[in-house]
Amino acid sequence: MVLRRAEKVARVADFIPKTEVSGPAQGDLLVLGWGGTYGAIAAAAKQAQQEGLSVGCAHLRYLNPFPKDLGNILGRYRQVLVPELNLGQLSMLIQARYPVRVIPLNKVQGQPFTIREVLGKIRSILFLNGS
């Protein structure tokens, strides 16, 4: 019965819309978020793109199951940054499901991310790695 239920949940992915990526379809960094991180991530990624950095961003609306195209999208970027307003649950789920190394950015202070915080992490990842 457990396997039957798991299979039923997995089939829901057939009805989940494709994941939208803002910015380049492939590149140095994908900033991936969900929930309340959307605004800061989108604004930081847009500013990074205006600075000439190869940064895309995507926002998940479905976590179980993940969208069918997520693995393909993750594979098109050298690195994946996941800002979360928790201890990194999405980062752990992504790393467990897909063969990518996730760079977590966790904040547990009862306050949302600022654009500056996310942009600072984007810059430090790309500049420290020579991109």
N, C-alpha and C. Protein backbone atom coordinates (compact mmCIF):
# COMPACT_ATOMS: atom_id res chain seq x y z
N MET A 1 0.81 -1.19 0.00
CA MET A 1 0.00 0.00 0.00
C MET A 1 0.87 1.27 0.00
N VAL A 2 1.97 1.23 0.73
CA VAL A 2 2.86 2.40 0.78
C VAL A 2 3.44 2.68 -0.61
N LEU A 3 3.87 1.64 -1.29
CA LEU A 3 4.42 1.80 -2.64
C LEU A 3 3.35 2.33 -3.60
N ARG A 4 2.15 1.86 -3.44
CA ARG A 4 1.06 2.31 -4.30
C ARG A 4 0.79 3.81 -4.11
N ARG A 5 0.81 4.25 -2.86
CA ARG A 5 0.60 5.67 -2.58
C ARG A 5 1.75 6.52 -3.12
N ALA A 6 2.98 6.03 -2.96
CA ALA A 6 4.14 6.76 -3.47
C ALA A 6 4.07 6.90 -4.99
N GLU A 7 3.64 5.85 -5.65
CA GLU A 7 3.49 5.89 -7.11
C GLU A 7 2.41 6.89 -7.52
N LYS A 8 1.34 6.93 -6.76
CA LYS A 8 0.25 7.87 -7.05
C LYS A 8 0.72 9.32 -6.91
N VAL A 9 1.48 9.60 -5.86
CA VAL A 9 2.03 10.94 -5.66
C VAL A 9 2.99 11.28 -6.80
N ALA A 10 3.84 10.35 -7.19
CA ALA A 10 4.81 10.59 -8.26
C ALA A 10 4.11 10.94 -9.58
N ARG A 11 2.97 10.36 -9.83
CA ARG A 11 2.24 10.64 -11.08
C ARG A 11 1.69 12.07 -11.12
N VAL A 12 1.57 12.71 -9.98
CA VAL A 12 1.10 14.10 -9.95
C VAL A 12 2.06 14.98 -10.75
N ALA A 13 3.33 14.62 -10.81
CA ALA A 13 4.32 15.41 -11.55
C ALA A 13 3.93 15.58 -13.02
N ASP A 14 3.13 14.67 -13.55
CA ASP A 14 2.69 14.78 -14.94
C ASP A 14 1.82 16.02 -15.17
N PHE A 15 1.26 16.57 -14.09
CA PHE A 15 0.35 17.70 -14.21
C PHE A 15 0.94 19.01 -13.70
N ILE A 16 2.18 18.97 -13.24
CA ILE A 16 2.83 20.18 -12.73
C ILE A 16 3.39 20.97 -13.91
N PRO A 17 3.13 22.27 -13.97
CA PRO A 17 3.65 23.08 -15.08
C PRO A 17 5.18 23.10 -15.09
N LYS A 18 5.74 23.40 -16.26
CA LYS A 18 7.20 23.50 -16.39
C LYS A 18 7.73 24.61 -15.50
N THR A 19 8.94 24.40 -15.01
CA THR A 19 9.59 25.38 -14.15
C THR A 19 10.09 26.54 -14.99
N GLU A 20 9.77 27.74 -14.58
CA GLU A 20 10.23 28.93 -15.30
C GLU A 20 11.57 29.38 -14.73
N VAL A 21 12.52 29.64 -15.63
CA VAL A 21 13.83 30.13 -15.23
C VAL A 21 13.98 31.54 -15.76
N SER A 22 14.31 32.48 -14.88
CA SER A 22 14.59 33.85 -15.30
C SER A 22 16.08 33.99 -15.50
N GLY A 23 16.46 34.59 -16.61
CA GLY A 23 17.88 34.72 -16.91
C GLY A 23 18.33 33.65 -17.89
N PRO A 24 19.63 33.43 -17.97
CA PRO A 24 20.14 32.46 -18.94
C PRO A 24 19.66 31.05 -18.64
N ALA A 25 19.40 30.28 -19.69
CA ALA A 25 18.91 28.91 -19.54
C ALA A 25 19.99 27.97 -19.02
N GLN A 26 21.22 28.42 -19.07
CA GLN A 26 22.34 27.67 -18.49
C GLN A 26 23.39 28.68 -18.08
N GLY A 27 24.27 28.29 -17.16
CA GLY A 27 25.26 29.26 -16.74
C GLY A 27 26.05 28.84 -15.53
N ASP A 28 26.61 29.84 -14.86
CA ASP A 28 27.47 29.59 -13.71
C ASP A 28 26.69 29.29 -12.43
N LEU A 29 25.54 29.93 -12.25
CA LEU A 29 24.82 29.80 -10.99
C LEU A 29 23.32 29.86 -11.20
N LEU A 30 22.61 28.94 -10.56
CA LEU A 30 21.15 28.99 -10.49
C LEU A 30 20.79 29.28 -9.03
N VAL A 31 19.98 30.30 -8.82
CA VAL A 31 19.48 30.59 -7.48
C VAL A 31 18.06 30.03 -7.44
N LEU A 32 17.87 29.05 -6.58
CA LEU A 32 16.61 28.31 -6.52
C LEU A 32 15.93 28.57 -5.18
N GLY A 33 14.66 28.92 -5.23
CA GLY A 33 13.95 29.20 -3.99
C GLY A 33 12.54 28.67 -4.00
N TRP A 34 11.88 28.89 -2.88
CA TRP A 34 10.46 28.55 -2.73
C TRP A 34 9.89 29.43 -1.63
N GLY A 35 8.60 29.63 -1.64
CA GLY A 35 7.96 30.40 -0.57
C GLY A 35 8.35 31.86 -0.57
N GLY A 36 8.53 32.39 0.63
CA GLY A 36 8.75 33.81 0.83
C GLY A 36 10.08 34.37 0.38
N THR A 37 10.95 33.55 -0.18
CA THR A 37 12.24 34.05 -0.65
C THR A 37 12.17 34.64 -2.06
N TYR A 38 11.02 34.52 -2.70
CA TYR A 38 10.90 34.88 -4.11
C TYR A 38 11.40 36.29 -4.44
N GLY A 39 10.91 37.30 -3.74
CA GLY A 39 11.24 38.68 -4.08
C GLY A 39 12.72 38.99 -4.00
N ALA A 40 13.35 38.60 -2.92
CA ALA A 40 14.78 38.88 -2.75
C ALA A 40 15.61 38.12 -3.77
N ILE A 41 15.23 36.87 -4.05
CA ILE A 41 15.98 36.07 -5.03
C ILE A 41 15.85 36.68 -6.42
N ALA A 42 14.63 36.98 -6.83
CA ALA A 42 14.41 37.52 -8.18
C ALA A 42 15.14 38.84 -8.37
N ALA A 43 15.06 39.73 -7.39
CA ALA A 43 15.71 41.04 -7.51
C ALA A 43 17.23 40.90 -7.49
N ALA A 44 17.76 40.03 -6.64
CA ALA A 44 19.21 39.84 -6.58
C ALA A 44 19.74 39.22 -7.86
N ALA A 45 19.02 38.24 -8.40
CA ALA A 45 19.45 37.60 -9.65
C ALA A 45 19.41 38.60 -10.80
N LYS A 46 18.38 39.42 -10.85
CA LYS A 46 18.28 40.43 -11.91
C LYS A 46 19.43 41.42 -11.82
N GLN A 47 19.75 41.85 -10.62
CA GLN A 47 20.86 42.79 -10.45
C GLN A 47 22.18 42.13 -10.85
N ALA A 48 22.37 40.86 -10.48
CA ALA A 48 23.59 40.13 -10.86
C ALA A 48 23.69 40.01 -12.38
N GLN A 49 22.56 39.76 -13.04
CA GLN A 49 22.55 39.68 -14.50
C GLN A 49 22.93 41.02 -15.12
N GLN A 50 22.46 42.11 -14.54
CA GLN A 50 22.79 43.45 -15.04
C GLN A 50 24.27 43.75 -14.86
N GLU A 51 24.90 43.09 -13.88
CA GLU A 51 26.34 43.23 -13.65
C GLU A 51 27.14 42.33 -14.58
N GLY A 52 26.45 41.57 -15.43
CA GLY A 52 27.13 40.69 -16.39
C GLY A 52 27.41 39.30 -15.86
N LEU A 53 26.86 38.94 -14.71
CA LEU A 53 27.10 37.61 -14.15
C LEU A 53 26.12 36.61 -14.76
N SER A 54 26.59 35.39 -14.93
CA SER A 54 25.78 34.33 -15.53
C SER A 54 24.95 33.64 -14.44
N VAL A 55 23.83 34.28 -14.10
CA VAL A 55 22.98 33.83 -12.99
C VAL A 55 21.54 33.69 -13.47
N GLY A 56 20.96 32.53 -13.22
CA GLY A 56 19.55 32.31 -13.46
C GLY A 56 18.85 32.13 -12.14
N CYS A 57 17.54 32.27 -12.14
CA CYS A 57 16.81 31.99 -10.91
C CYS A 57 15.51 31.30 -11.24
N ALA A 58 15.08 30.46 -10.32
CA ALA A 58 13.82 29.73 -10.46
C ALA A 58 13.17 29.65 -9.09
N HIS A 59 11.85 29.57 -9.11
CA HIS A 59 11.09 29.51 -7.87
C HIS A 59 10.17 28.30 -7.93
N LEU A 60 10.31 27.41 -6.97
CA LEU A 60 9.49 26.21 -6.95
C LEU A 60 8.15 26.48 -6.28
N ARG A 61 7.12 25.91 -6.86
CA ARG A 61 5.79 25.98 -6.27
C ARG A 61 5.34 24.59 -5.82
N TYR A 62 6.03 23.57 -6.28
CA TYR A 62 5.68 22.19 -5.95
C TYR A 62 6.92 21.49 -5.41
N LEU A 63 6.78 20.89 -4.23
CA LEU A 63 7.92 20.24 -3.59
C LEU A 63 7.78 18.72 -3.52
N ASN A 64 6.56 18.22 -3.56
CA ASN A 64 6.36 16.77 -3.51
C ASN A 64 5.14 16.39 -4.33
N PRO A 65 5.40 15.92 -5.55
CA PRO A 65 6.71 15.68 -6.14
C PRO A 65 7.30 16.97 -6.73
N PHE A 66 8.60 16.92 -6.97
CA PHE A 66 9.23 18.03 -7.67
C PHE A 66 8.77 18.05 -9.13
N PRO A 67 8.85 19.20 -9.79
CA PRO A 67 8.52 19.24 -11.22
C PRO A 67 9.43 18.29 -12.00
N LYS A 68 8.90 17.70 -13.05
CA LYS A 68 9.66 16.72 -13.85
C LYS A 68 10.91 17.31 -14.48
N ASP A 69 10.89 18.60 -14.81
CA ASP A 69 12.01 19.22 -15.51
C ASP A 69 13.09 19.75 -14.58
N LEU A 70 12.93 19.62 -13.27
CA LEU A 70 13.87 20.22 -12.33
C LEU A 70 15.28 19.64 -12.46
N GLY A 71 15.41 18.34 -12.59
CA GLY A 71 16.73 17.73 -12.71
C GLY A 71 17.49 18.24 -13.93
N ASN A 72 16.79 18.38 -15.03
CA ASN A 72 17.40 18.90 -16.26
C ASN A 72 17.86 20.34 -16.06
N ILE A 73 17.04 21.14 -15.42
CA ILE A 73 17.39 22.55 -15.18
C ILE A 73 18.61 22.64 -14.27
N LEU A 74 18.62 21.89 -13.19
CA LEU A 74 19.76 21.93 -12.26
C LEU A 74 21.06 21.54 -12.95
N GLY A 75 20.99 20.60 -13.87
CA GLY A 75 22.17 20.12 -14.58
C GLY A 75 22.77 21.12 -15.55
N ARG A 76 22.06 22.18 -15.86
CA ARG A 76 22.55 23.17 -16.82
C ARG A 76 23.35 24.29 -16.17
N TYR A 77 23.50 24.24 -14.85
CA TYR A 77 24.25 25.27 -14.13
C TYR A 77 25.41 24.63 -13.38
N ARG A 78 26.51 25.35 -13.31
CA ARG A 78 27.69 24.82 -12.61
C ARG A 78 27.46 24.70 -11.12
N GLN A 79 26.67 25.63 -10.55
CA GLN A 79 26.42 25.64 -9.12
C GLN A 79 24.97 26.03 -8.85
N VAL A 80 24.48 25.60 -7.69
CA VAL A 80 23.10 25.90 -7.31
C VAL A 80 23.10 26.50 -5.91
N LEU A 81 22.54 27.69 -5.78
CA LEU A 81 22.40 28.37 -4.49
C LEU A 81 20.94 28.30 -4.07
N VAL A 82 20.70 27.87 -2.82
CA VAL A 82 19.33 27.77 -2.31
C VAL A 82 19.19 28.60 -1.03
N PRO A 83 18.71 29.85 -1.16
CA PRO A 83 18.43 30.65 0.03
C PRO A 83 17.13 30.17 0.68
N GLU A 84 17.19 29.92 1.99
CA GLU A 84 16.00 29.44 2.70
C GLU A 84 15.86 30.13 4.04
N LEU A 85 14.62 30.37 4.40
CA LEU A 85 14.32 30.96 5.70
C LEU A 85 14.05 29.84 6.71
N ASN A 86 14.97 28.90 6.76
CA ASN A 86 14.91 27.78 7.69
C ASN A 86 16.30 27.16 7.78
N LEU A 87 16.39 25.94 8.23
CA LEU A 87 17.70 25.30 8.40
C LEU A 87 18.19 24.54 7.18
N GLY A 88 17.53 24.68 6.04
CA GLY A 88 18.02 24.08 4.81
C GLY A 88 17.32 22.82 4.37
N GLN A 89 16.04 22.71 4.66
CA GLN A 89 15.30 21.51 4.29
C GLN A 89 15.25 21.31 2.78
N LEU A 90 14.99 22.36 2.00
CA LEU A 90 14.94 22.22 0.54
C LEU A 90 16.32 21.83 0.00
N SER A 91 17.36 22.43 0.53
CA SER A 91 18.72 22.07 0.10
C SER A 91 18.97 20.57 0.27
N MET A 92 18.56 20.05 1.42
CA MET A 92 18.76 18.62 1.68
C MET A 92 17.94 17.76 0.73
N LEU A 93 16.70 18.16 0.46
CA LEU A 93 15.86 17.39 -0.46
C LEU A 93 16.43 17.40 -1.88
N ILE A 94 16.90 18.56 -2.33
CA ILE A 94 17.48 18.66 -3.67
C ILE A 94 18.72 17.79 -3.78
N GLN A 95 19.61 17.89 -2.81
CA GLN A 95 20.84 17.09 -2.84
C GLN A 95 20.56 15.59 -2.76
N ALA A 96 19.54 15.20 -2.04
CA ALA A 96 19.19 13.79 -1.92
C ALA A 96 18.60 13.24 -3.22
N ARG A 97 17.92 14.08 -3.96
CA ARG A 97 17.19 13.62 -5.16
C ARG A 97 17.99 13.76 -6.45
N TYR A 98 18.87 14.78 -6.52
CA TYR A 98 19.57 15.07 -7.77
C TYR A 98 21.08 15.07 -7.55
N PRO A 99 21.85 14.76 -8.58
CA PRO A 99 23.31 14.72 -8.44
C PRO A 99 23.95 16.09 -8.57
N VAL A 100 23.58 17.00 -7.69
CA VAL A 100 24.14 18.36 -7.69
C VAL A 100 24.59 18.70 -6.28
N ARG A 101 25.58 19.57 -6.21
CA ARG A 101 26.01 20.08 -4.91
C ARG A 101 25.31 21.41 -4.72
N VAL A 102 24.54 21.49 -3.66
CA VAL A 102 23.79 22.70 -3.35
C VAL A 102 24.57 23.55 -2.35
N ILE A 103 24.59 24.84 -2.61
CA ILE A 103 25.18 25.79 -1.67
C ILE A 103 24.02 26.41 -0.90
N PRO A 104 23.89 26.07 0.38
CA PRO A 104 22.77 26.62 1.15
C PRO A 104 23.06 28.03 1.65
N LEU A 105 22.03 28.83 1.74
CA LEU A 105 22.09 30.14 2.39
C LEU A 105 20.89 30.18 3.33
N ASN A 106 21.13 29.90 4.59
CA ASN A 106 20.04 29.77 5.56
C ASN A 106 19.96 31.00 6.45
N LYS A 107 18.73 31.36 6.78
CA LYS A 107 18.50 32.48 7.68
C LYS A 107 17.33 32.11 8.59
N VAL A 108 17.62 32.10 9.88
CA VAL A 108 16.58 31.76 10.85
C VAL A 108 16.57 32.87 11.91
N GLN A 109 16.04 34.02 11.51
CA GLN A 109 16.03 35.18 12.41
C GLN A 109 14.65 35.83 12.48
N GLY A 110 13.66 35.22 11.85
CA GLY A 110 12.33 35.81 11.85
C GLY A 110 12.19 37.00 10.92
N GLN A 111 13.18 37.22 10.07
CA GLN A 111 13.16 38.32 9.11
C GLN A 111 13.40 37.76 7.71
N PRO A 112 12.82 38.37 6.68
CA PRO A 112 13.06 37.90 5.32
C PRO A 112 14.48 38.26 4.85
N PHE A 113 14.90 37.61 3.77
CA PHE A 113 16.17 37.97 3.16
C PHE A 113 16.08 39.37 2.58
N THR A 114 17.19 40.07 2.62
CA THR A 114 17.28 41.32 1.87
C THR A 114 17.93 40.99 0.53
N ILE A 115 17.70 41.86 -0.43
CA ILE A 115 18.33 41.68 -1.74
C ILE A 115 19.84 41.69 -1.57
N ARG A 116 20.33 42.55 -0.72
CA ARG A 116 21.77 42.68 -0.48
C ARG A 116 22.38 41.37 0.02
N GLU A 117 21.67 40.67 0.91
CA GLU A 117 22.20 39.40 1.44
C GLU A 117 22.34 38.35 0.33
N VAL A 118 21.31 38.22 -0.48
CA VAL A 118 21.35 37.22 -1.56
C VAL A 118 22.37 37.62 -2.61
N LEU A 119 22.38 38.89 -3.00
CA LEU A 119 23.34 39.36 -4.00
C LEU A 119 24.77 39.21 -3.49
N GLY A 120 25.00 39.48 -2.22
CA GLY A 120 26.33 39.30 -1.64
C GLY A 120 26.80 37.86 -1.73
N LYS A 121 25.89 36.92 -1.48
CA LYS A 121 26.25 35.50 -1.57
C LYS A 121 26.52 35.11 -3.03
N ILE A 122 25.71 35.62 -3.95
CA ILE A 122 25.93 35.34 -5.39
C ILE A 122 27.33 35.82 -5.78
N ARG A 123 27.64 37.05 -5.43
CA ARG A 123 28.95 37.61 -5.78
C ARG A 123 30.08 36.81 -5.15
N SER A 124 29.94 36.44 -3.88
CA SER A 124 31.03 35.70 -3.23
C SER A 124 31.22 34.33 -3.87
N ILE A 125 30.17 33.67 -4.26
CA ILE A 125 30.29 32.37 -4.92
C ILE A 125 31.00 32.52 -6.26
N LEU A 126 30.55 33.46 -7.07
CA LEU A 126 31.10 33.60 -8.42
C LEU A 126 32.50 34.21 -8.44
N PHE A 127 32.76 35.17 -7.58
CA PHE A 127 34.08 35.79 -7.57
C PHE A 127 35.11 34.90 -6.91
N LEU A 128 34.73 34.17 -5.87
CA LEU A 128 35.67 33.26 -5.22
C LEU A 128 36.03 32.09 -6.12
N ASN A 129 35.10 31.73 -7.02
CA ASN A 129 35.36 30.60 -7.91
C ASN A 129 35.89 31.05 -9.27
N GLY A 130 36.22 32.31 -9.41
CA GLY A 130 36.87 32.80 -10.61
C GLY A 130 35.97 33.00 -11.80
N SER A 131 34.66 33.10 -11.61
CA SER A 131 33.77 33.31 -12.75
C SER A 131 33.67 34.77 -13.09
